[in-house]
Amino acid sequence: MGLIKSSFSFMVGTAVGVYVAQNYNVPNIQKLVNTGILIAKHIEENYRKPKKRNEDD
């Protein structure tokens, strides 16, 4: 019975997700993640401490 119970909740969740995606303006999560990563890289590059130079070179 555990397999049927977990499958039922998965199927209901999938059906609700499909309904919401078709009938509402849901943002593209992948685009939001990529934008966040791009902003994080930009901040990290701009505010990184400069590398120490060896005075032996």
PDB file of N, CA and C in Angstrom:
ATOM      1  N   MET A   1       0.814  -1.202   0.000  1.00  0.00           N
ATOM      2  CA  MET A   1       0.000   0.000   0.000  1.00  0.00           C
ATOM      3  C   MET A   1       0.854   1.261   0.000  1.00  0.00           C
ATOM      4  N   GLY A   2       2.099   1.182   0.458  1.00  0.00           N
ATOM      5  CA  GLY A   2       2.961   2.359   0.495  1.00  0.00           C
ATOM      6  C   GLY A   2       3.276   2.883  -0.895  1.00  0.00           C
ATOM      7  N   LEU A   3       3.432   1.971  -1.853  1.00  0.00           N
ATOM      8  CA  LEU A   3       3.737   2.367  -3.225  1.00  0.00           C
ATOM      9  C   LEU A   3       2.552   3.090  -3.856  1.00  0.00           C
ATOM     10  N   ILE A   4       1.356   2.606  -3.590  1.00  0.00           N
ATOM     11  CA  ILE A   4       0.152   3.235  -4.146  1.00  0.00           C
ATOM     12  C   ILE A   4      -0.056   4.617  -3.533  1.00  0.00           C
ATOM     13  N   LYS A   5       0.176   4.732  -2.233  1.00  0.00           N
ATOM     14  CA  LYS A   5      -0.018   6.007  -1.545  1.00  0.00           C
ATOM     15  C   LYS A   5       0.981   7.054  -2.045  1.00  0.00           C
ATOM     16  N   SER A   6       2.251   6.676  -2.214  1.00  0.00           N
ATOM     17  CA  SER A   6       3.243   7.637  -2.691  1.00  0.00           C
ATOM     18  C   SER A   6       3.023   7.964  -4.159  1.00  0.00           C
ATOM     19  N   SER A   7       2.584   6.999  -4.953  1.00  0.00           N
ATOM     20  CA  SER A   7       2.298   7.248  -6.369  1.00  0.00           C
ATOM     21  C   SER A   7       1.107   8.186  -6.525  1.00  0.00           C
ATOM     22  N   PHE A   8       0.099   8.015  -5.672  1.00  0.00           N
ATOM     23  CA  PHE A   8      -1.084   8.870  -5.737  1.00  0.00           C
ATOM     24  C   PHE A   8      -0.710  10.325  -5.456  1.00  0.00           C
ATOM     25  N   SER A   9       0.088  10.577  -4.426  1.00  0.00           N
ATOM     26  CA  SER A   9       0.457  11.956  -4.113  1.00  0.00           C
ATOM     27  C   SER A   9       1.338  12.548  -5.215  1.00  0.00           C
ATOM     28  N   PHE A  10       2.183  11.735  -5.824  1.00  0.00           N
ATOM     29  CA  PHE A  10       3.002  12.210  -6.944  1.00  0.00           C
ATOM     30  C   PHE A  10       2.122  12.579  -8.136  1.00  0.00           C
ATOM     31  N   MET A  11       1.147  11.751  -8.453  1.00  0.00           N
ATOM     32  CA  MET A  11       0.267  12.006  -9.601  1.00  0.00           C
ATOM     33  C   MET A  11      -0.597  13.243  -9.357  1.00  0.00           C
ATOM     34  N   VAL A  12      -1.103  13.411  -8.142  1.00  0.00           N
ATOM     35  CA  VAL A  12      -1.903  14.598  -7.826  1.00  0.00           C
ATOM     36  C   VAL A  12      -1.039  15.850  -7.917  1.00  0.00           C
ATOM     37  N   GLY A  13       0.175  15.787  -7.412  1.00  0.00           N
ATOM     38  CA  GLY A  13       1.088  16.926  -7.496  1.00  0.00           C
ATOM     39  C   GLY A  13       1.431  17.281  -8.929  1.00  0.00           C
ATOM     40  N   THR A  14       1.639  16.265  -9.757  1.00  0.00           N
ATOM     41  CA  THR A  14       1.928  16.500 -11.170  1.00  0.00           C
ATOM     42  C   THR A  14       0.732  17.143 -11.869  1.00  0.00           C
ATOM     43  N   ALA A  15      -0.460  16.636 -11.595  1.00  0.00           N
ATOM     44  CA  ALA A  15      -1.669  17.189 -12.221  1.00  0.00           C
ATOM     45  C   ALA A  15      -1.883  18.646 -11.801  1.00  0.00           C
ATOM     46  N   VAL A  16      -1.700  18.939 -10.534  1.00  0.00           N
ATOM     47  CA  VAL A  16      -1.853  20.321 -10.058  1.00  0.00           C
ATOM     48  C   VAL A  16      -0.788  21.217 -10.691  1.00  0.00           C
ATOM     49  N   GLY A  17       0.433  20.728 -10.791  1.00  0.00           N
ATOM     50  CA  GLY A  17       1.502  21.507 -11.416  1.00  0.00           C
ATOM     51  C   GLY A  17       1.224  21.811 -12.871  1.00  0.00           C
ATOM     52  N   VAL A  18       0.718  20.842 -13.610  1.00  0.00           N
ATOM     53  CA  VAL A  18       0.371  21.056 -15.021  1.00  0.00           C
ATOM     54  C   VAL A  18      -0.759  22.069 -15.133  1.00  0.00           C
ATOM     55  N   TYR A  19      -1.770  21.953 -14.288  1.00  0.00           N
ATOM     56  CA  TYR A  19      -2.896  22.899 -14.304  1.00  0.00           C
ATOM     57  C   TYR A  19      -2.413  24.320 -14.032  1.00  0.00           C
ATOM     58  N   VAL A  20      -1.592  24.483 -13.020  1.00  0.00           N
ATOM     59  CA  VAL A  20      -1.097  25.817 -12.659  1.00  0.00           C
ATOM     60  C   VAL A  20      -0.238  26.390 -13.786  1.00  0.00           C
ATOM     61  N   ALA A  21       0.634  25.563 -14.380  1.00  0.00           N
ATOM     62  CA  ALA A  21       1.510  26.036 -15.452  1.00  0.00           C
ATOM     63  C   ALA A  21       0.715  26.466 -16.680  1.00  0.00           C
ATOM     64  N   GLN A  22      -0.396  25.806 -16.952  1.00  0.00           N
ATOM     65  CA  GLN A  22      -1.179  26.139 -18.131  1.00  0.00           C
ATOM     66  C   GLN A  22      -2.085  27.348 -17.921  1.00  0.00           C
ATOM     67  N   ASN A  23      -2.532  27.568 -16.702  1.00  0.00           N
ATOM     68  CA  ASN A  23      -3.554  28.588 -16.480  1.00  0.00           C
ATOM     69  C   ASN A  23      -3.054  29.850 -15.784  1.00  0.00           C
ATOM     70  N   TYR A  24      -1.833  29.864 -15.321  1.00  0.00           N
ATOM     71  CA  TYR A  24      -1.314  31.029 -14.621  1.00  0.00           C
ATOM     72  C   TYR A  24       0.042  31.401 -15.192  1.00  0.00           C
ATOM     73  N   ASN A  25       0.440  32.640 -14.992  1.00  0.00           N
ATOM     74  CA  ASN A  25       1.716  33.130 -15.487  1.00  0.00           C
ATOM     75  C   ASN A  25       2.809  32.761 -14.480  1.00  0.00           C
ATOM     76  N   VAL A  26       3.383  31.598 -14.651  1.00  0.00           N
ATOM     77  CA  VAL A  26       4.400  31.087 -13.741  1.00  0.00           C
ATOM     78  C   VAL A  26       5.773  31.503 -14.284  1.00  0.00           C
ATOM     79  N   PRO A  27       6.643  32.097 -13.459  1.00  0.00           N
ATOM     80  CA  PRO A  27       7.951  32.521 -13.958  1.00  0.00           C
ATOM     81  C   PRO A  27       8.829  31.321 -14.308  1.00  0.00           C
ATOM     82  N   ASN A  28       9.739  31.549 -15.247  1.00  0.00           N
ATOM     83  CA  ASN A  28      10.673  30.512 -15.660  1.00  0.00           C
ATOM     84  C   ASN A  28      11.779  30.418 -14.614  1.00  0.00           C
ATOM     85  N   ILE A  29      11.777  29.356 -13.840  1.00  0.00           N
ATOM     86  CA  ILE A  29      12.711  29.191 -12.732  1.00  0.00           C
ATOM     87  C   ILE A  29      14.145  29.082 -13.241  1.00  0.00           C
ATOM     88  N   GLN A  30      14.358  28.384 -14.347  1.00  0.00           N
ATOM     89  CA  GLN A  30      15.711  28.222 -14.886  1.00  0.00           C
ATOM     90  C   GLN A  30      16.305  29.584 -15.261  1.00  0.00           C
ATOM     91  N   LYS A  31      15.498  30.461 -15.817  1.00  0.00           N
ATOM     92  CA  LYS A  31      15.971  31.797 -16.178  1.00  0.00           C
ATOM     93  C   LYS A  31      16.331  32.596 -14.920  1.00  0.00           C
ATOM     94  N   LEU A  32      15.514  32.478 -13.879  1.00  0.00           N
ATOM     95  CA  LEU A  32      15.807  33.171 -12.629  1.00  0.00           C
ATOM     96  C   LEU A  32      17.096  32.657 -11.994  1.00  0.00           C
ATOM     97  N   VAL A  33      17.319  31.350 -12.038  1.00  0.00           N
ATOM     98  CA  VAL A  33      18.539  30.759 -11.472  1.00  0.00           C
ATOM     99  C   VAL A  33      19.757  31.233 -12.247  1.00  0.00           C
ATOM    100  N   ASN A  34      19.671  31.224 -13.575  1.00  0.00           N
ATOM    101  CA  ASN A  34      20.799  31.673 -14.389  1.00  0.00           C
ATOM    102  C   ASN A  34      21.117  33.144 -14.147  1.00  0.00           C
ATOM    103  N   THR A  35      20.097  33.975 -13.987  1.00  0.00           N
ATOM    104  CA  THR A  35      20.306  35.393 -13.697  1.00  0.00           C
ATOM    105  C   THR A  35      20.976  35.565 -12.336  1.00  0.00           C
ATOM    106  N   GLY A  36      20.534  34.795 -11.342  1.00  0.00           N
ATOM    107  CA  GLY A  36      21.143  34.867 -10.007  1.00  0.00           C
ATOM    108  C   GLY A  36      22.602  34.457 -10.026  1.00  0.00           C
ATOM    109  N   ILE A  37      22.932  33.410 -10.779  1.00  0.00           N
ATOM    110  CA  ILE A  37      24.321  32.956 -10.876  1.00  0.00           C
ATOM    111  C   ILE A  37      25.167  34.016 -11.567  1.00  0.00           C
ATOM    112  N   LEU A  38      24.637  34.626 -12.617  1.00  0.00           N
ATOM    113  CA  LEU A  38      25.367  35.674 -13.336  1.00  0.00           C
ATOM    114  C   LEU A  38      25.644  36.863 -12.422  1.00  0.00           C
ATOM    115  N   ILE A  39      24.676  37.273 -11.642  1.00  0.00           N
ATOM    116  CA  ILE A  39      24.858  38.390 -10.712  1.00  0.00           C
ATOM    117  C   ILE A  39      25.878  38.028  -9.631  1.00  0.00           C
ATOM    118  N   ALA A  40      25.811  36.797  -9.119  1.00  0.00           N
ATOM    119  CA  ALA A  40      26.765  36.363  -8.100  1.00  0.00           C
ATOM    120  C   ALA A  40      28.191  36.353  -8.646  1.00  0.00           C
ATOM    121  N   LYS A  41      28.378  35.894  -9.870  1.00  0.00           N
ATOM    122  CA  LYS A  41      29.713  35.901 -10.489  1.00  0.00           C
ATOM    123  C   LYS A  41      30.219  37.318 -10.666  1.00  0.00           C
ATOM    124  N   HIS A  42      29.334  38.212 -11.093  1.00  0.00           N
ATOM    125  CA  HIS A  42      29.715  39.616 -11.288  1.00  0.00           C
ATOM    126  C   HIS A  42      30.159  40.250  -9.967  1.00  0.00           C
ATOM    127  N   ILE A  43      29.394  40.026  -8.912  1.00  0.00           N
ATOM    128  CA  ILE A  43      29.747  40.576  -7.602  1.00  0.00           C
ATOM    129  C   ILE A  43      31.052  39.973  -7.099  1.00  0.00           C
ATOM    130  N   GLU A  44      31.211  38.667  -7.281  1.00  0.00           N
ATOM    131  CA  GLU A  44      32.415  37.984  -6.812  1.00  0.00           C
ATOM    132  C   GLU A  44      33.653  38.503  -7.544  1.00  0.00           C
ATOM    133  N   GLU A  45      33.556  38.747  -8.838  1.00  0.00           N
ATOM    134  CA  GLU A  45      34.708  39.252  -9.601  1.00  0.00           C
ATOM    135  C   GLU A  45      35.042  40.684  -9.219  1.00  0.00           C
ATOM    136  N   ASN A  46      34.024  41.502  -8.957  1.00  0.00           N
ATOM    137  CA  ASN A  46      34.272  42.915  -8.654  1.00  0.00           C
ATOM    138  C   ASN A  46      34.776  43.149  -7.241  1.00  0.00           C
ATOM    139  N   TYR A  47      34.383  42.319  -6.295  1.00  0.00           N
ATOM    140  CA  TYR A  47      34.732  42.559  -4.903  1.00  0.00           C
ATOM    141  C   TYR A  47      35.748  41.569  -4.351  1.00  0.00           C
ATOM    142  N   ARG A  48      36.380  40.796  -5.216  1.00  0.00           N
ATOM    143  CA  ARG A  48      37.400  39.841  -4.781  1.00  0.00           C
ATOM    144  C   ARG A  48      38.644  40.601  -4.345  1.00  0.00           C
ATOM    145  N   LYS A  49      39.294  40.099  -3.299  1.00  0.00           N
ATOM    146  CA  LYS A  49      40.541  40.710  -2.865  1.00  0.00           C
ATOM    147  C   LYS A  49      41.600  40.481  -3.940  1.00  0.00           C
ATOM    148  N   PRO A  50      42.432  41.481  -4.193  1.00  0.00           N
ATOM    149  CA  PRO A  50      43.480  41.272  -5.198  1.00  0.00           C
ATOM    150  C   PRO A  50      44.482  40.225  -4.729  1.00  0.00           C
ATOM    151  N   LYS A  51      45.024  39.483  -5.691  1.00  0.00           N
ATOM    152  CA  LYS A  51      46.007  38.468  -5.340  1.00  0.00           C
ATOM    153  C   LYS A  51      47.293  39.138  -4.888  1.00  0.00           C
ATOM    154  N   LYS A  52      47.921  38.527  -3.895  1.00  0.00           N
ATOM    155  CA  LYS A  52      49.188  39.054  -3.412  1.00  0.00           C
ATOM    156  C   LYS A  52      50.280  38.695  -4.408  1.00  0.00           C
ATOM    157  N   ARG A  53      51.116  39.662  -4.705  1.00  0.00           N
ATOM    158  CA  ARG A  53      52.227  39.404  -5.610  1.00  0.00           C
ATOM    159  C   ARG A  53      53.455  39.049  -4.779  1.00  0.00           C
ATOM    160  N   ASN A  54      54.159  38.051  -5.235  1.00  0.00           N
ATOM    161  CA  ASN A  54      55.418  37.692  -4.569  1.00  0.00           C
ATOM    162  C   ASN A  54      56.469  38.737  -4.955  1.00  0.00           C
ATOM    163  N   GLU A  55      57.210  39.193  -3.987  1.00  0.00           N
ATOM    164  CA  GLU A  55      58.229  40.198  -4.268  1.00  0.00           C
ATOM    165  C   GLU A  55      59.489  39.563  -4.808  1.00  0.00           C
ATOM    166  N   ASP A  56      59.549  38.209  -4.839  1.00  0.00           N
ATOM    167  CA  ASP A  56      60.707  37.529  -5.371  1.00  0.00           C
ATOM    168  C   ASP A  56      60.734  37.576  -6.895  1.00  0.00           C
ATOM    169  N   ASP A  57      59.587  37.710  -7.537  1.00  0.00           N
ATOM    170  CA  ASP A  57      59.513  37.672  -8.994  1.00  0.00           C
ATOM    171  C   ASP A  57      59.962  38.941  -9.627  1.00  0.00           C
TER     172      ASP A  57
END
